[in-house]
C-alpha atoms as a PDB file:
ATOM      1  CA  UNK A   1      -9.026  -7.622 -23.291  1.00  0.00           C
ATOM      2  CA  UNK A   2      -7.199  -5.875 -26.403  1.00  0.00           C
ATOM      3  CA  UNK A   3      -7.805  -2.468 -26.607  1.00  0.00           C
ATOM      4  CA  UNK A   4      -8.524  -0.192 -29.700  1.00  0.00           C
ATOM      5  CA  UNK A   5      -4.307   0.521 -29.503  1.00  0.00           C
ATOM      6  CA  UNK A   6      -3.329  -2.981 -29.893  1.00  0.00           C
ATOM      7  CA  UNK A   7      -2.837  -3.183 -25.925  1.00  0.00           C
ATOM      8  CA  UNK A   8      -3.834  -4.929 -22.752  1.00  0.00           C
ATOM      9  CA  UNK A   9      -4.987  -3.261 -19.639  1.00  0.00           C
ATOM     10  CA  UNK A  10      -5.830  -4.026 -16.050  1.00  0.00           C
ATOM     11  CA  UNK A  11      -5.835  -2.198 -13.188  1.00  0.00           C
ATOM     12  CA  UNK A  12      -4.734  -4.194  -9.526  1.00  0.00           C
ATOM     13  CA  UNK A  13      -6.351  -3.102  -6.199  1.00  0.00           C
ATOM     14  CA  UNK A  14      -4.591  -3.413  -2.679  1.00  0.00           C
ATOM     15  CA  UNK A  15      -5.516  -3.147   0.822  1.00  0.00           C
ATOM     16  CA  UNK A  16      -2.600  -0.763   1.580  1.00  0.00           C
ATOM     17  CA  UNK A  17       1.251   0.260  -0.067  1.00  0.00           C
ATOM     18  CA  UNK A  18       2.917  -2.569   1.644  1.00  0.00           C
ATOM     19  CA  UNK A  19       1.169  -4.932  -0.987  1.00  0.00           C
ATOM     20  CA  UNK A  20       1.603  -2.185  -3.671  1.00  0.00           C
ATOM     21  CA  UNK A  21       4.740  -2.265  -3.211  1.00  0.00           C
ATOM     22  CA  UNK A  22       5.240  -6.128  -3.456  1.00  0.00           C
ATOM     23  CA  UNK A  23       3.546  -6.659  -6.519  1.00  0.00           C
ATOM     24  CA  UNK A  24       5.338  -3.807  -8.390  1.00  0.00           C
ATOM     25  CA  UNK A  25       8.965  -5.289  -6.681  1.00  0.00           C
ATOM     26  CA  UNK A  26       7.603  -8.489  -8.647  1.00  0.00           C
ATOM     27  CA  UNK A  27       6.610  -6.855 -11.848  1.00  0.00           C
ATOM     28  CA  UNK A  28       9.985  -5.615 -11.795  1.00  0.00           C
ATOM     29  CA  UNK A  29      11.644  -9.005 -11.636  1.00  0.00           C
ATOM     30  CA  UNK A  30       9.073 -10.715 -14.088  1.00  0.00           C
ATOM     31  CA  UNK A  31       9.951  -7.863 -16.524  1.00  0.00           C
ATOM     32  CA  UNK A  32      13.670  -8.070 -16.323  1.00  0.00           C
ATOM     33  CA  UNK A  33      13.250 -12.105 -17.103  1.00  0.00           C
ATOM     34  CA  UNK A  34      11.059 -11.489 -19.611  1.00  0.00           C
ATOM     35  CA  UNK A  35      12.401  -8.655 -21.314  1.00  0.00           C
ATOM     36  CA  UNK A  36       8.983  -6.937 -21.181  1.00  0.00           C
ATOM     37  CA  UNK A  37       8.069  -3.501 -19.611  1.00  0.00           C
ATOM     38  CA  UNK A  38       4.387  -2.419 -19.592  1.00  0.00           C
ATOM     39  CA  UNK A  39       3.144   1.085 -18.853  1.00  0.00           C
ATOM     40  CA  UNK A  40       2.500   1.275 -15.843  1.00  0.00           C
ATOM     41  CA  UNK A  41       0.498   3.857 -13.633  1.00  0.00           C
ATOM     42  CA  UNK A  42       0.514   3.748  -9.503  1.00  0.00           C
ATOM     43  CA  UNK A  43      -0.670   5.015  -6.390  1.00  0.00           C
ATOM     44  CA  UNK A  44      -0.897   4.090  -2.824  1.00  0.00           C
ATOM     45  CA  UNK A  45      -3.784   0.986  -3.151  1.00  0.00           C
ATOM     46  CA  UNK A  46      -3.496   0.795  -7.126  1.00  0.00           C
ATOM     47  CA  UNK A  47      -1.458  -0.088 -10.045  1.00  0.00           C
ATOM     48  CA  UNK A  48      -2.858   0.412 -13.924  1.00  0.00           C
ATOM     49  CA  UNK A  49      -0.836  -2.018 -16.314  1.00  0.00           C
ATOM     50  CA  UNK A  50      -0.832  -1.405 -19.960  1.00  0.00           C
ATOM     51  CA  UNK A  51       0.870  -4.390 -22.145  1.00  0.00           C
ATOM     52  CA  UNK A  52       1.779  -3.078 -25.817  1.00  0.00           C
ATOM     53  CA  UNK A  53       1.183  -5.374 -28.685  1.00  0.00           C
ATOM     54  CA  UNK A  54       5.065  -6.165 -29.802  1.00  0.00           C
ATOM     55  CA  UNK A  55       4.512  -6.789 -33.683  1.00  0.00           C
ATOM     56  CA  UNK A  56       1.461  -7.269 -35.292  1.00  0.00           C
ATOM     57  CA  UNK A  57      -0.576 -10.725 -35.663  1.00  0.00           C
ATOM     58  CA  UNK A  58      -1.641 -13.788 -33.847  1.00  0.00           C
ATOM     59  CA  UNK A  59       1.765 -14.745 -32.383  1.00  0.00           C
ATOM     60  CA  UNK A  60       2.169 -10.693 -30.563  1.00  0.00           C
ATOM     61  CA  UNK A  61      -1.578 -11.496 -29.269  1.00  0.00           C
ATOM     62  CA  UNK A  62      -0.536 -14.601 -28.071  1.00  0.00           C
ATOM     63  CA  UNK A  63       2.878 -13.260 -26.663  1.00  0.00           C
ATOM     64  CA  UNK A  64       1.228 -10.027 -24.633  1.00  0.00           C
ATOM     65  CA  UNK A  65      -1.733 -12.598 -23.512  1.00  0.00           C
ATOM     66  CA  UNK A  66       0.770 -15.034 -22.168  1.00  0.00           C
ATOM     67  CA  UNK A  67       3.025 -11.698 -20.297  1.00  0.00           C
ATOM     68  CA  UNK A  68      -0.531 -10.581 -19.208  1.00  0.00           C
ATOM     69  CA  UNK A  69      -1.464 -13.773 -17.304  1.00  0.00           C
ATOM     70  CA  UNK A  70       2.160 -14.163 -15.783  1.00  0.00           C
ATOM     71  CA  UNK A  71       1.778 -10.408 -14.396  1.00  0.00           C
ATOM     72  CA  UNK A  72      -1.446 -11.620 -12.877  1.00  0.00           C
ATOM     73  CA  UNK A  73       0.039 -14.804 -11.348  1.00  0.00           C
ATOM     74  CA  UNK A  74       1.631 -12.464  -9.362  1.00  0.00           C
ATOM     75  CA  UNK A  75      -1.018 -11.623  -7.003  1.00  0.00           C
ATOM     76  CA  UNK A  76      -0.414 -15.020  -5.806  1.00  0.00           C
ATOM     77  CA  UNK A  77       3.199 -14.792  -5.313  1.00  0.00           C
ATOM     78  CA  UNK A  78       3.667 -17.071  -8.715  1.00  0.00           C
ATOM     79  CA  UNK A  79       6.397 -15.978 -11.241  1.00  0.00           C
ATOM     80  CA  UNK A  80       8.292 -13.810  -8.623  1.00  0.00           C
END
């Protein structure tokens, strides 16, 4: 969902630190590949991801949504 500030937010919960660390490693690789670096806040069992729109208009929303889908796919180990 697009927030008032023009960003997408999602909280990912994990059963343990090892799973959190694996997700963060995958997210780092995705960011390096795409050149998109979301704001992160994390602890041992969760990661908050905020993706800010880059630009204005429909294309910026589509680009952010595409990156958000790629981030969500990391839970299954896709796009790693």
